Amino acid sequence: MIVGLDYAQTSLENALNEFKREVFGRTDLVLHTADIARNKNGFERLKDPTFRAFFYEKLNAMMRDLEFSVVACAIRKNTHLAKKGLGAIDPYMLSLDILVERFCLDLGSRENSGMIIAEKRDPVLDRELEIARLNLKVKGTRYVSAKDINNRMTGLNLRSKSENIAGLQLADLVVSPIGRHLLKKVDKEDWRIIDSKFRRSRNGEISGFGLVVLPK
């Protein structure tokens, strides 16, 4: 999810807190797709169909009104492994390459203008992400040189889910609609909202610009 820093720290955070107050009467609840789907860790009221409908109505309205763009990379891991065999690039590294590349292209030539804030997972995955970032700093990507990445990116910041960061929570909500769509499941309103937020080419094309699915 690409969003301006000032906007993320003001309008976005205020909108999320307003949503939480209206729906749950509190702002310390961290939105997490897995907890929402399973009605747990503060989301037990979602077992009630009427409340669940109210929740999604308000959530979709908020997501629709917020100003952000989406860049996503989906990797069909079994196909990727079958196609590349032992030479298959780790999906973590491959997806980060794609996301950083599109982000840098979106930033243009502005130096020190972009930072990636990612959610901490576990020590192994966090270390893999850090290794992938270092690899980008040294080798670059197919379309963006290491020099340009280093000039445009100020760094990678891993933050915990418990820190209640608005941008991380909204990024989490963006993932499932994309996954459902690519798995040919029934699209819901959240997919239509995300579809309208994808980074696009000048001609309005999403594929390769805002959504990259590998292997091609």
N, C-alpha and C. Protein backbone atom coordinates (compact mmCIF):
# COMPACT_ATOMS: atom_id res chain seq x y z
N MET A 1 0.84 -1.17 0.00
CA MET A 1 0.00 0.00 0.00
C MET A 1 0.89 1.23 0.00
N ILE A 2 0.76 2.09 -1.01
CA ILE A 2 1.57 3.30 -1.12
C ILE A 2 0.74 4.48 -0.66
N VAL A 3 1.29 5.21 0.30
CA VAL A 3 0.57 6.34 0.85
C VAL A 3 1.58 7.38 1.33
N GLY A 4 1.21 8.65 1.24
CA GLY A 4 2.08 9.71 1.72
C GLY A 4 2.24 9.64 3.23
N LEU A 5 3.44 9.93 3.71
CA LEU A 5 3.72 9.82 5.14
C LEU A 5 2.86 10.75 5.97
N ASP A 6 2.76 12.01 5.57
CA ASP A 6 1.95 12.96 6.33
C ASP A 6 0.49 12.53 6.36
N TYR A 7 -0.01 12.06 5.21
CA TYR A 7 -1.39 11.60 5.14
C TYR A 7 -1.61 10.38 6.04
N ALA A 8 -0.63 9.47 6.05
CA ALA A 8 -0.73 8.26 6.87
C ALA A 8 -0.81 8.59 8.35
N GLN A 9 -0.07 9.61 8.76
CA GLN A 9 0.01 9.95 10.18
C GLN A 9 -1.12 10.87 10.64
N THR A 10 -1.90 11.38 9.70
CA THR A 10 -3.00 12.29 10.06
C THR A 10 -4.34 11.74 9.58
N SER A 11 -4.66 11.99 8.33
CA SER A 11 -5.98 11.63 7.80
C SER A 11 -6.27 10.14 7.90
N LEU A 12 -5.29 9.32 7.51
CA LEU A 12 -5.50 7.88 7.52
C LEU A 12 -5.70 7.36 8.94
N GLU A 13 -4.82 7.78 9.83
CA GLU A 13 -4.93 7.32 11.22
C GLU A 13 -6.21 7.83 11.87
N ASN A 14 -6.60 9.07 11.58
CA ASN A 14 -7.83 9.62 12.15
C ASN A 14 -9.05 8.87 11.64
N ALA A 15 -9.05 8.53 10.34
CA ALA A 15 -10.19 7.80 9.77
C ALA A 15 -10.31 6.42 10.39
N LEU A 16 -9.19 5.75 10.61
CA LEU A 16 -9.21 4.41 11.20
C LEU A 16 -9.71 4.47 12.64
N ASN A 17 -9.25 5.44 13.40
CA ASN A 17 -9.69 5.57 14.78
C ASN A 17 -11.17 5.92 14.86
N GLU A 18 -11.63 6.76 13.95
CA GLU A 18 -13.05 7.11 13.92
C GLU A 18 -13.90 5.88 13.61
N PHE A 19 -13.43 5.06 12.67
CA PHE A 19 -14.13 3.81 12.33
C PHE A 19 -14.21 2.89 13.55
N LYS A 20 -13.10 2.72 14.25
CA LYS A 20 -13.06 1.83 15.42
C LYS A 20 -13.98 2.34 16.53
N ARG A 21 -13.97 3.65 16.74
CA ARG A 21 -14.84 4.21 17.79
C ARG A 21 -16.31 4.00 17.46
N GLU A 22 -16.66 4.22 16.18
CA GLU A 22 -18.06 4.08 15.78
C GLU A 22 -18.53 2.64 15.86
N VAL A 23 -17.67 1.71 15.48
CA VAL A 23 -18.09 0.31 15.40
C VAL A 23 -17.87 -0.43 16.72
N PHE A 24 -16.73 -0.18 17.40
CA PHE A 24 -16.39 -0.95 18.59
C PHE A 24 -16.35 -0.12 19.88
N GLY A 25 -16.39 1.20 19.76
CA GLY A 25 -16.35 2.05 20.94
C GLY A 25 -14.97 2.14 21.56
N ARG A 26 -13.92 1.80 20.81
CA ARG A 26 -12.54 1.84 21.29
C ARG A 26 -11.60 1.96 20.09
N THR A 27 -10.37 2.40 20.35
CA THR A 27 -9.42 2.58 19.25
C THR A 27 -8.19 1.69 19.39
N ASP A 28 -8.11 0.92 20.48
CA ASP A 28 -6.91 0.10 20.71
C ASP A 28 -7.00 -1.27 20.05
N LEU A 29 -8.11 -1.56 19.40
CA LEU A 29 -8.28 -2.84 18.73
C LEU A 29 -7.51 -2.83 17.41
N VAL A 30 -6.68 -3.84 17.19
CA VAL A 30 -5.87 -3.91 15.97
C VAL A 30 -6.59 -4.75 14.92
N LEU A 31 -6.88 -4.15 13.77
CA LEU A 31 -7.56 -4.87 12.70
C LEU A 31 -6.62 -5.90 12.10
N HIS A 32 -7.06 -7.15 12.09
CA HIS A 32 -6.25 -8.25 11.58
C HIS A 32 -7.20 -9.20 10.87
N THR A 33 -6.96 -9.42 9.59
CA THR A 33 -7.88 -10.21 8.78
C THR A 33 -8.17 -11.59 9.37
N ALA A 34 -7.13 -12.26 9.88
CA ALA A 34 -7.32 -13.61 10.44
C ALA A 34 -8.26 -13.57 11.64
N ASP A 35 -8.10 -12.56 12.50
CA ASP A 35 -8.97 -12.44 13.69
C ASP A 35 -10.40 -12.08 13.28
N ILE A 36 -10.53 -11.23 12.27
CA ILE A 36 -11.86 -10.84 11.79
C ILE A 36 -12.58 -12.05 11.21
N ALA A 37 -11.87 -12.86 10.43
CA ALA A 37 -12.48 -14.04 9.81
C ALA A 37 -12.90 -15.08 10.85
N ARG A 38 -12.12 -15.15 11.95
CA ARG A 38 -12.37 -16.18 12.96
C ARG A 38 -13.14 -15.66 14.18
N ASN A 39 -13.54 -14.39 14.14
CA ASN A 39 -14.33 -13.80 15.23
C ASN A 39 -13.64 -13.94 16.59
N LYS A 40 -12.37 -13.57 16.66
CA LYS A 40 -11.64 -13.72 17.92
C LYS A 40 -10.77 -12.50 18.20
N ASN A 41 -10.16 -12.48 19.38
CA ASN A 41 -9.24 -11.41 19.80
C ASN A 41 -9.87 -10.03 19.66
N GLY A 42 -11.08 -9.90 20.21
CA GLY A 42 -11.77 -8.62 20.20
C GLY A 42 -12.85 -8.50 19.14
N PHE A 43 -12.92 -9.47 18.22
CA PHE A 43 -13.89 -9.41 17.13
C PHE A 43 -15.01 -10.44 17.30
N GLU A 44 -15.24 -10.85 18.55
CA GLU A 44 -16.26 -11.88 18.82
C GLU A 44 -17.66 -11.42 18.40
N ARG A 45 -17.94 -10.12 18.45
CA ARG A 45 -19.28 -9.62 18.08
C ARG A 45 -19.60 -9.87 16.62
N LEU A 46 -18.60 -10.14 15.81
CA LEU A 46 -18.82 -10.38 14.39
C LEU A 46 -19.55 -11.70 14.13
N LYS A 47 -19.72 -12.52 15.17
CA LYS A 47 -20.53 -13.73 15.03
C LYS A 47 -21.99 -13.38 14.74
N ASP A 48 -22.40 -12.18 15.16
CA ASP A 48 -23.76 -11.70 14.92
C ASP A 48 -23.86 -11.20 13.48
N PRO A 49 -24.67 -11.81 12.62
CA PRO A 49 -24.74 -11.43 11.21
C PRO A 49 -25.08 -9.95 11.00
N THR A 50 -25.96 -9.40 11.84
CA THR A 50 -26.34 -7.99 11.69
C THR A 50 -25.16 -7.08 11.98
N PHE A 51 -24.43 -7.38 13.05
CA PHE A 51 -23.26 -6.56 13.40
C PHE A 51 -22.17 -6.73 12.35
N ARG A 52 -22.01 -7.95 11.85
CA ARG A 52 -20.98 -8.20 10.84
C ARG A 52 -21.27 -7.39 9.57
N ALA A 53 -22.52 -7.33 9.17
CA ALA A 53 -22.91 -6.54 7.99
C ALA A 53 -22.62 -5.06 8.22
N PHE A 54 -22.94 -4.58 9.43
CA PHE A 54 -22.66 -3.18 9.80
C PHE A 54 -21.16 -2.90 9.75
N PHE A 55 -20.38 -3.83 10.29
CA PHE A 55 -18.92 -3.70 10.32
C PHE A 55 -18.36 -3.54 8.90
N TYR A 56 -18.77 -4.42 7.99
CA TYR A 56 -18.23 -4.37 6.63
C TYR A 56 -18.75 -3.16 5.85
N GLU A 57 -19.97 -2.74 6.14
CA GLU A 57 -20.49 -1.53 5.49
C GLU A 57 -19.62 -0.33 5.84
N LYS A 58 -19.30 -0.18 7.12
CA LYS A 58 -18.49 0.95 7.57
C LYS A 58 -17.03 0.80 7.11
N LEU A 59 -16.51 -0.42 7.16
CA LEU A 59 -15.13 -0.66 6.73
C LEU A 59 -14.97 -0.35 5.25
N ASN A 60 -15.88 -0.83 4.43
CA ASN A 60 -15.79 -0.58 2.99
C ASN A 60 -15.92 0.90 2.67
N ALA A 61 -16.79 1.59 3.39
CA ALA A 61 -16.95 3.04 3.17
C ALA A 61 -15.65 3.77 3.48
N MET A 62 -15.00 3.38 4.58
CA MET A 62 -13.73 4.01 4.95
C MET A 62 -12.66 3.73 3.90
N MET A 63 -12.53 2.46 3.50
CA MET A 63 -11.51 2.09 2.53
C MET A 63 -11.74 2.81 1.20
N ARG A 64 -12.98 2.96 0.83
CA ARG A 64 -13.31 3.62 -0.44
C ARG A 64 -12.88 5.09 -0.42
N ASP A 65 -13.02 5.75 0.72
CA ASP A 65 -12.74 7.18 0.82
C ASP A 65 -11.27 7.51 1.01
N LEU A 66 -10.48 6.55 1.51
CA LEU A 66 -9.07 6.82 1.79
C LEU A 66 -8.25 6.94 0.51
N GLU A 67 -7.20 7.74 0.58
CA GLU A 67 -6.34 7.99 -0.57
C GLU A 67 -5.06 7.16 -0.45
N PHE A 68 -4.98 6.09 -1.22
CA PHE A 68 -3.79 5.26 -1.26
C PHE A 68 -3.80 4.48 -2.57
N SER A 69 -2.66 3.96 -2.95
CA SER A 69 -2.60 3.11 -4.14
C SER A 69 -2.01 1.75 -3.74
N VAL A 70 -2.32 0.76 -4.53
CA VAL A 70 -1.95 -0.62 -4.21
C VAL A 70 -1.00 -1.18 -5.27
N VAL A 71 0.07 -1.80 -4.79
CA VAL A 71 0.96 -2.59 -5.64
C VAL A 71 1.04 -3.97 -5.00
N ALA A 72 0.73 -5.00 -5.75
CA ALA A 72 0.69 -6.35 -5.19
C ALA A 72 1.42 -7.33 -6.10
N CYS A 73 2.01 -8.32 -5.48
CA CYS A 73 2.67 -9.40 -6.21
C CYS A 73 2.15 -10.72 -5.65
N ALA A 74 1.62 -11.54 -6.54
CA ALA A 74 1.13 -12.87 -6.14
C ALA A 74 1.97 -13.93 -6.85
N ILE A 75 2.45 -14.90 -6.10
CA ILE A 75 3.28 -15.96 -6.67
C ILE A 75 2.60 -17.31 -6.46
N ARG A 76 2.34 -17.99 -7.55
CA ARG A 76 1.78 -19.34 -7.47
C ARG A 76 2.97 -20.27 -7.18
N LYS A 77 3.17 -20.54 -5.91
CA LYS A 77 4.42 -21.15 -5.47
C LYS A 77 4.69 -22.53 -6.07
N ASN A 78 3.67 -23.37 -6.15
CA ASN A 78 3.89 -24.70 -6.72
C ASN A 78 4.30 -24.64 -8.19
N THR A 79 3.63 -23.75 -8.93
CA THR A 79 3.97 -23.59 -10.35
C THR A 79 5.36 -22.99 -10.50
N HIS A 80 5.66 -22.03 -9.64
CA HIS A 80 6.98 -21.37 -9.66
C HIS A 80 8.09 -22.40 -9.42
N LEU A 81 7.89 -23.27 -8.45
CA LEU A 81 8.89 -24.29 -8.14
C LEU A 81 9.01 -25.32 -9.26
N ALA A 82 7.86 -25.71 -9.81
CA ALA A 82 7.87 -26.70 -10.89
C ALA A 82 8.56 -26.16 -12.14
N LYS A 83 8.39 -24.87 -12.39
CA LYS A 83 8.95 -24.25 -13.59
C LYS A 83 10.44 -23.99 -13.45
N LYS A 84 10.87 -23.56 -12.25
CA LYS A 84 12.26 -23.15 -12.07
C LYS A 84 13.12 -24.22 -11.39
N GLY A 85 12.49 -25.17 -10.71
CA GLY A 85 13.23 -26.23 -10.04
C GLY A 85 14.15 -25.69 -8.96
N LEU A 86 15.35 -26.22 -8.88
CA LEU A 86 16.29 -25.80 -7.84
C LEU A 86 16.75 -24.36 -8.03
N GLY A 87 16.54 -23.83 -9.22
CA GLY A 87 16.93 -22.44 -9.48
C GLY A 87 15.85 -21.43 -9.14
N ALA A 88 14.75 -21.90 -8.54
CA ALA A 88 13.64 -21.01 -8.21
C ALA A 88 14.07 -20.00 -7.14
N ILE A 89 13.81 -18.73 -7.41
CA ILE A 89 14.11 -17.68 -6.42
C ILE A 89 13.11 -17.79 -5.28
N ASP A 90 13.59 -17.62 -4.06
CA ASP A 90 12.71 -17.66 -2.91
C ASP A 90 11.56 -16.66 -3.10
N PRO A 91 10.29 -17.07 -2.90
CA PRO A 91 9.16 -16.17 -3.12
C PRO A 91 9.25 -14.87 -2.33
N TYR A 92 9.84 -14.93 -1.13
CA TYR A 92 10.00 -13.72 -0.32
C TYR A 92 10.88 -12.72 -1.05
N MET A 93 11.99 -13.18 -1.58
CA MET A 93 12.93 -12.31 -2.28
C MET A 93 12.35 -11.83 -3.61
N LEU A 94 11.68 -12.74 -4.32
CA LEU A 94 11.11 -12.40 -5.62
C LEU A 94 10.01 -11.35 -5.48
N SER A 95 9.12 -11.54 -4.51
CA SER A 95 8.03 -10.59 -4.33
C SER A 95 8.54 -9.23 -3.87
N LEU A 96 9.56 -9.21 -3.01
CA LEU A 96 10.11 -7.93 -2.57
C LEU A 96 10.75 -7.20 -3.75
N ASP A 97 11.44 -7.94 -4.62
CA ASP A 97 12.01 -7.34 -5.83
C ASP A 97 10.93 -6.60 -6.63
N ILE A 98 9.81 -7.30 -6.84
CA ILE A 98 8.72 -6.74 -7.65
C ILE A 98 8.13 -5.50 -6.97
N LEU A 99 7.87 -5.59 -5.68
CA LEU A 99 7.22 -4.49 -4.96
C LEU A 99 8.13 -3.27 -4.87
N VAL A 100 9.41 -3.49 -4.54
CA VAL A 100 10.35 -2.37 -4.44
C VAL A 100 10.53 -1.72 -5.81
N GLU A 101 10.61 -2.55 -6.84
CA GLU A 101 10.78 -2.03 -8.20
C GLU A 101 9.63 -1.12 -8.58
N ARG A 102 8.40 -1.57 -8.38
CA ARG A 102 7.23 -0.74 -8.73
C ARG A 102 7.16 0.50 -7.84
N PHE A 103 7.53 0.37 -6.59
CA PHE A 103 7.52 1.51 -5.68
C PHE A 103 8.52 2.56 -6.14
N CYS A 104 9.73 2.13 -6.50
CA CYS A 104 10.75 3.07 -6.97
C CYS A 104 10.32 3.74 -8.27
N LEU A 105 9.69 3.00 -9.17
CA LEU A 105 9.20 3.60 -10.40
C LEU A 105 8.12 4.63 -10.10
N ASP A 106 7.32 4.35 -9.07
CA ASP A 106 6.27 5.29 -8.67
C ASP A 106 6.87 6.56 -8.07
N LEU A 107 7.99 6.42 -7.36
CA LEU A 107 8.65 7.57 -6.74
C LEU A 107 9.33 8.47 -7.77
N GLY A 108 9.66 7.89 -8.90
CA GLY A 108 10.35 8.67 -9.91
C GLY A 108 11.79 8.95 -9.51
N SER A 109 12.27 10.15 -9.81
CA SER A 109 13.68 10.49 -9.56
C SER A 109 13.91 11.17 -8.21
N ARG A 110 12.88 11.27 -7.38
CA ARG A 110 13.02 11.96 -6.10
C ARG A 110 13.89 11.14 -5.14
N GLU A 111 14.95 11.75 -4.64
CA GLU A 111 15.86 11.05 -3.74
C GLU A 111 15.31 11.02 -2.32
N ASN A 112 15.63 9.92 -1.61
CA ASN A 112 15.24 9.75 -0.21
C ASN A 112 13.76 10.03 0.02
N SER A 113 12.94 9.56 -0.90
CA SER A 113 11.52 9.90 -0.83
C SER A 113 10.63 8.73 -0.44
N GLY A 114 11.21 7.54 -0.28
CA GLY A 114 10.38 6.38 0.03
C GLY A 114 10.92 5.53 1.15
N MET A 115 10.02 5.04 1.99
CA MET A 115 10.38 4.09 3.04
C MET A 115 9.39 2.95 3.03
N ILE A 116 9.89 1.75 3.27
CA ILE A 116 9.01 0.59 3.38
C ILE A 116 8.82 0.25 4.85
N ILE A 117 7.58 0.20 5.28
CA ILE A 117 7.25 -0.24 6.63
C ILE A 117 6.53 -1.57 6.50
N ALA A 118 7.12 -2.60 7.06
CA ALA A 118 6.58 -3.95 6.95
C ALA A 118 6.29 -4.52 8.33
N GLU A 119 5.38 -5.47 8.37
CA GLU A 119 5.02 -6.07 9.66
C GLU A 119 6.01 -7.16 10.06
N LYS A 120 6.42 -7.13 11.32
CA LYS A 120 7.25 -8.21 11.85
C LYS A 120 6.44 -9.49 11.86
N ARG A 121 7.11 -10.62 11.54
CA ARG A 121 6.42 -11.89 11.58
C ARG A 121 7.05 -12.80 12.63
N ASP A 122 8.18 -13.38 12.28
CA ASP A 122 8.97 -14.16 13.24
C ASP A 122 10.43 -13.96 12.86
N PRO A 123 11.37 -14.34 13.75
CA PRO A 123 12.79 -14.06 13.47
C PRO A 123 13.28 -14.60 12.13
N VAL A 124 12.80 -15.79 11.73
CA VAL A 124 13.26 -16.38 10.47
C VAL A 124 12.78 -15.57 9.27
N LEU A 125 11.48 -15.27 9.23
CA LEU A 125 10.94 -14.51 8.11
C LEU A 125 11.47 -13.08 8.09
N ASP A 126 11.63 -12.49 9.27
CA ASP A 126 12.18 -11.13 9.33
C ASP A 126 13.60 -11.09 8.80
N ARG A 127 14.36 -12.13 9.12
CA ARG A 127 15.73 -12.20 8.62
C ARG A 127 15.74 -12.38 7.11
N GLU A 128 14.84 -13.20 6.58
CA GLU A 128 14.75 -13.40 5.14
C GLU A 128 14.42 -12.09 4.42
N LEU A 129 13.53 -11.32 5.02
CA LEU A 129 13.15 -10.04 4.43
C LEU A 129 14.34 -9.08 4.43
N GLU A 130 15.10 -9.08 5.51
CA GLU A 130 16.27 -8.21 5.60
C GLU A 130 17.33 -8.63 4.57
N ILE A 131 17.52 -9.93 4.39
CA ILE A 131 18.47 -10.43 3.39
C ILE A 131 18.02 -10.01 1.99
N ALA A 132 16.72 -10.11 1.74
CA ALA A 132 16.19 -9.71 0.43
C ALA A 132 16.43 -8.22 0.19
N ARG A 133 16.26 -7.42 1.23
CA ARG A 133 16.50 -5.98 1.09
C ARG A 133 17.96 -5.68 0.79
N LEU A 134 18.86 -6.36 1.50
CA LEU A 134 20.29 -6.16 1.26
C LEU A 134 20.67 -6.58 -0.16
N ASN A 135 20.05 -7.64 -0.64
CA ASN A 135 20.30 -8.10 -2.01
C ASN A 135 19.90 -7.03 -3.03
N LEU A 136 18.79 -6.35 -2.77
CA LEU A 136 18.34 -5.28 -3.65
C LEU A 136 19.32 -4.11 -3.65
N LYS A 137 19.86 -3.80 -2.47
CA LYS A 137 20.80 -2.70 -2.36
C LYS A 137 22.09 -2.96 -3.14
N VAL A 138 22.42 -4.23 -3.30
CA VAL A 138 23.66 -4.60 -4.00
C VAL A 138 23.42 -4.85 -5.48
N LYS A 139 22.33 -5.57 -5.81
CA LYS A 139 22.12 -6.02 -7.19
C LYS A 139 21.05 -5.24 -7.95
N GLY A 140 20.15 -4.56 -7.23
CA GLY A 140 19.05 -3.90 -7.90
C GLY A 140 18.04 -4.90 -8.43
N THR A 141 17.21 -4.46 -9.37
CA THR A 141 16.21 -5.34 -9.99
C THR A 141 16.37 -5.27 -11.51
N ARG A 142 15.48 -5.90 -12.20
CA ARG A 142 15.57 -5.95 -13.66
C ARG A 142 15.44 -4.55 -14.27
N TYR A 143 14.59 -3.71 -13.68
CA TYR A 143 14.32 -2.40 -14.27
C TYR A 143 14.83 -1.22 -13.45
N VAL A 144 15.26 -1.46 -12.22
CA VAL A 144 15.75 -0.37 -11.37
C VAL A 144 17.12 -0.76 -10.81
N SER A 145 18.11 0.09 -11.01
CA SER A 145 19.47 -0.21 -10.58
C SER A 145 19.60 -0.12 -9.07
N ALA A 146 20.64 -0.77 -8.53
CA ALA A 146 20.91 -0.69 -7.10
C ALA A 146 21.13 0.75 -6.67
N LYS A 147 21.81 1.53 -7.51
CA LYS A 147 22.06 2.94 -7.21
C LYS A 147 20.76 3.72 -7.05
N ASP A 148 19.82 3.50 -7.97
CA ASP A 148 18.54 4.21 -7.89
C ASP A 148 17.74 3.78 -6.67
N ILE A 149 17.78 2.49 -6.35
CA ILE A 149 17.07 2.02 -5.15
C ILE A 149 17.66 2.67 -3.91
N ASN A 150 18.97 2.70 -3.80
CA ASN A 150 19.62 3.30 -2.64
C ASN A 150 19.35 4.80 -2.56
N ASN A 151 19.26 5.47 -3.71
CA ASN A 151 19.00 6.90 -3.72
C ASN A 151 17.57 7.25 -3.33
N ARG A 152 16.65 6.39 -3.73
CA ARG A 152 15.23 6.71 -3.52
C ARG A 152 14.67 6.18 -2.21
N MET A 153 15.22 5.06 -1.73
CA MET A 153 14.68 4.44 -0.53
C MET A 153 15.48 4.83 0.71
N THR A 154 14.78 5.21 1.75
CA THR A 154 15.46 5.56 3.00
C THR A 154 15.62 4.36 3.92
N GLY A 155 14.98 3.23 3.60
CA GLY A 155 15.18 2.04 4.42
C GLY A 155 13.96 1.17 4.56
N LEU A 156 14.14 0.09 5.30
CA LEU A 156 13.08 -0.86 5.62
C LEU A 156 12.88 -0.85 7.12
N ASN A 157 11.66 -0.62 7.54
CA ASN A 157 11.34 -0.50 8.96
C ASN A 157 10.36 -1.60 9.34
N LEU A 158 10.78 -2.55 10.16
CA LEU A 158 9.90 -3.63 10.60
C LEU A 158 9.22 -3.23 11.90
N ARG A 159 7.90 -3.29 11.90
CA ARG A 159 7.13 -2.86 13.08
C ARG A 159 6.18 -3.98 13.50
N SER A 160 5.91 -4.04 14.79
CA SER A 160 5.06 -5.07 15.34
C SER A 160 3.58 -4.74 15.14
N LYS A 161 2.77 -5.77 14.95
CA LYS A 161 1.33 -5.58 14.80
C LYS A 161 0.73 -4.88 16.03
N SER A 162 1.28 -5.19 17.21
CA SER A 162 0.74 -4.62 18.45
C SER A 162 0.92 -3.12 18.54
N GLU A 163 1.73 -2.53 17.67
CA GLU A 163 1.95 -1.08 17.70
C GLU A 163 0.75 -0.30 17.15
N ASN A 164 -0.22 -1.02 16.58
CA ASN A 164 -1.47 -0.39 16.14
C ASN A 164 -1.23 0.68 15.08
N ILE A 165 -0.41 0.37 14.08
CA ILE A 165 -0.09 1.31 13.02
C ILE A 165 -1.16 1.23 11.94
N ALA A 166 -1.77 2.35 11.62
CA ALA A 166 -2.91 2.38 10.70
C ALA A 166 -2.56 1.78 9.34
N GLY A 167 -1.43 2.20 8.76
CA GLY A 167 -1.07 1.72 7.43
C GLY A 167 -0.89 0.23 7.35
N LEU A 168 -0.28 -0.37 8.39
CA LEU A 168 -0.08 -1.82 8.39
C LEU A 168 -1.42 -2.55 8.46
N GLN A 169 -2.35 -2.01 9.22
CA GLN A 169 -3.65 -2.66 9.34
C GLN A 169 -4.42 -2.62 8.02
N LEU A 170 -4.36 -1.48 7.34
CA LEU A 170 -5.05 -1.38 6.07
C LEU A 170 -4.39 -2.23 5.00
N ALA A 171 -3.05 -2.31 5.03
CA ALA A 171 -2.34 -3.18 4.10
C ALA A 171 -2.77 -4.63 4.29
N ASP A 172 -2.95 -5.03 5.54
CA ASP A 172 -3.41 -6.38 5.85
C ASP A 172 -4.79 -6.64 5.24
N LEU A 173 -5.66 -5.64 5.28
CA LEU A 173 -7.01 -5.78 4.75
C LEU A 173 -7.04 -5.84 3.22
N VAL A 174 -5.99 -5.31 2.58
CA VAL A 174 -5.92 -5.29 1.13
C VAL A 174 -5.62 -6.68 0.55
N VAL A 175 -4.90 -7.50 1.32
CA VAL A 175 -4.37 -8.76 0.80
C VAL A 175 -5.46 -9.79 0.46
N SER A 176 -6.37 -10.03 1.37
CA SER A 176 -7.36 -11.10 1.17
C SER A 176 -8.24 -10.93 -0.06
N PRO A 177 -8.77 -9.73 -0.33
CA PRO A 177 -9.58 -9.58 -1.54
C PRO A 177 -8.82 -9.92 -2.82
N ILE A 178 -7.52 -9.57 -2.86
CA ILE A 178 -6.70 -9.90 -4.03
C ILE A 178 -6.53 -11.41 -4.14
N GLY A 179 -6.23 -12.05 -3.02
CA GLY A 179 -6.06 -13.50 -3.01
C GLY A 179 -7.32 -14.23 -3.45
N ARG A 180 -8.47 -13.79 -2.93
CA ARG A 180 -9.74 -14.43 -3.30
C ARG A 180 -9.99 -14.28 -4.80
N HIS A 181 -9.71 -13.10 -5.32
CA HIS A 181 -9.94 -12.84 -6.74
C HIS A 181 -9.07 -13.74 -7.60
N LEU A 182 -7.80 -13.86 -7.25
CA LEU A 182 -6.88 -14.67 -8.05
C LEU A 182 -7.17 -16.17 -7.93
N LEU A 183 -7.81 -16.57 -6.84
CA LEU A 183 -8.21 -17.96 -6.66
C LEU A 183 -9.58 -18.24 -7.26
N LYS A 184 -10.11 -17.25 -7.99
CA LYS A 184 -11.39 -17.39 -8.71
C LYS A 184 -12.58 -17.55 -7.77
N LYS A 185 -12.45 -17.02 -6.56
CA LYS A 185 -13.59 -17.02 -5.65
C LYS A 185 -14.49 -15.83 -5.98
N VAL A 186 -15.67 -15.83 -5.40
CA VAL A 186 -16.64 -14.76 -5.69
C VAL A 186 -16.11 -13.43 -5.18
N ASP A 187 -16.05 -12.43 -6.06
CA ASP A 187 -15.59 -11.10 -5.67
C ASP A 187 -16.65 -10.41 -4.81
N LYS A 188 -16.16 -9.73 -3.78
CA LYS A 188 -17.04 -8.97 -2.91
C LYS A 188 -16.76 -7.48 -3.11
N GLU A 189 -17.44 -6.65 -2.35
CA GLU A 189 -17.28 -5.21 -2.49
C GLU A 189 -15.85 -4.77 -2.19
N ASP A 190 -15.18 -5.47 -1.24
CA ASP A 190 -13.81 -5.07 -0.90
C ASP A 190 -12.88 -5.23 -2.11
N TRP A 191 -13.10 -6.25 -2.96
CA TRP A 191 -12.28 -6.39 -4.16
C TRP A 191 -12.51 -5.22 -5.12
N ARG A 192 -13.75 -4.81 -5.30
CA ARG A 192 -14.03 -3.71 -6.21
C ARG A 192 -13.38 -2.42 -5.73
N ILE A 193 -13.29 -2.26 -4.42
CA ILE A 193 -12.62 -1.08 -3.86
C ILE A 193 -11.12 -1.15 -4.13
N ILE A 194 -10.52 -2.30 -3.85
CA ILE A 194 -9.09 -2.47 -4.09
C ILE A 194 -8.77 -2.34 -5.57
N ASP A 195 -9.62 -2.89 -6.42
CA ASP A 195 -9.43 -2.80 -7.86
C ASP A 195 -9.33 -1.34 -8.32
N SER A 196 -10.07 -0.47 -7.67
CA SER A 196 -10.04 0.96 -8.03
C SER A 196 -8.79 1.67 -7.52
N LYS A 197 -8.05 1.02 -6.62
CA LYS A 197 -6.88 1.65 -5.99
C LYS A 197 -5.55 1.20 -6.62
N PHE A 198 -5.57 0.19 -7.49
CA PHE A 198 -4.33 -0.32 -8.04
C PHE A 198 -3.54 0.76 -8.79
N ARG A 199 -2.23 0.70 -8.65
CA ARG A 199 -1.36 1.52 -9.48
C ARG A 199 -1.59 1.12 -10.93
N ARG A 200 -1.68 2.12 -11.82
CA ARG A 200 -2.01 1.85 -13.20
C ARG A 200 -1.03 2.52 -14.16
N SER A 201 -1.00 1.99 -15.37
CA SER A 201 -0.24 2.64 -16.42
C SER A 201 -1.00 3.88 -16.88
N ARG A 202 -0.40 4.65 -17.77
CA ARG A 202 -1.08 5.83 -18.30
C ARG A 202 -2.36 5.46 -19.03
N ASN A 203 -2.40 4.24 -19.54
CA ASN A 203 -3.59 3.76 -20.26
C ASN A 203 -4.59 3.07 -19.34
N GLY A 204 -4.29 3.09 -18.05
CA GLY A 204 -5.21 2.48 -17.09
C GLY A 204 -5.02 1.00 -16.87
N GLU A 205 -3.91 0.45 -17.37
CA GLU A 205 -3.66 -0.98 -17.23
C GLU A 205 -3.12 -1.31 -15.84
N ILE A 206 -3.63 -2.39 -15.24
CA ILE A 206 -3.21 -2.81 -13.91
C ILE A 206 -2.11 -3.87 -13.98
N SER A 207 -2.27 -4.84 -14.87
CA SER A 207 -1.34 -5.96 -14.96
C SER A 207 0.07 -5.47 -15.26
N GLY A 208 1.00 -5.86 -14.38
CA GLY A 208 2.39 -5.46 -14.54
C GLY A 208 2.71 -4.13 -13.90
N PHE A 209 1.71 -3.35 -13.58
CA PHE A 209 1.91 -2.03 -12.98
C PHE A 209 1.48 -2.02 -11.51
N GLY A 210 0.26 -2.48 -11.26
CA GLY A 210 -0.23 -2.53 -9.89
C GLY A 210 -0.38 -3.94 -9.37
N LEU A 211 -0.50 -4.90 -10.28
CA LEU A 211 -0.66 -6.31 -9.89
C LEU A 211 0.22 -7.17 -10.79
N VAL A 212 1.14 -7.88 -10.15
CA VAL A 212 2.03 -8.79 -10.86
C VAL A 212 1.77 -10.20 -10.36
N VAL A 213 1.43 -11.10 -11.27
CA VAL A 213 1.17 -12.49 -10.92
C VAL A 213 2.23 -13.35 -11.59
N LEU A 214 2.95 -14.12 -10.79
CA LEU A 214 4.04 -14.97 -11.30
C LEU A 214 3.81 -16.43 -10.93
N PRO A 215 4.29 -17.40 -11.74
CA PRO A 215 4.86 -17.22 -13.07
C PRO A 215 3.82 -16.70 -14.07
N LYS A 216 4.30 -16.03 -15.11
CA LYS A 216 3.39 -15.49 -16.11
C LYS A 216 2.80 -16.63 -16.93
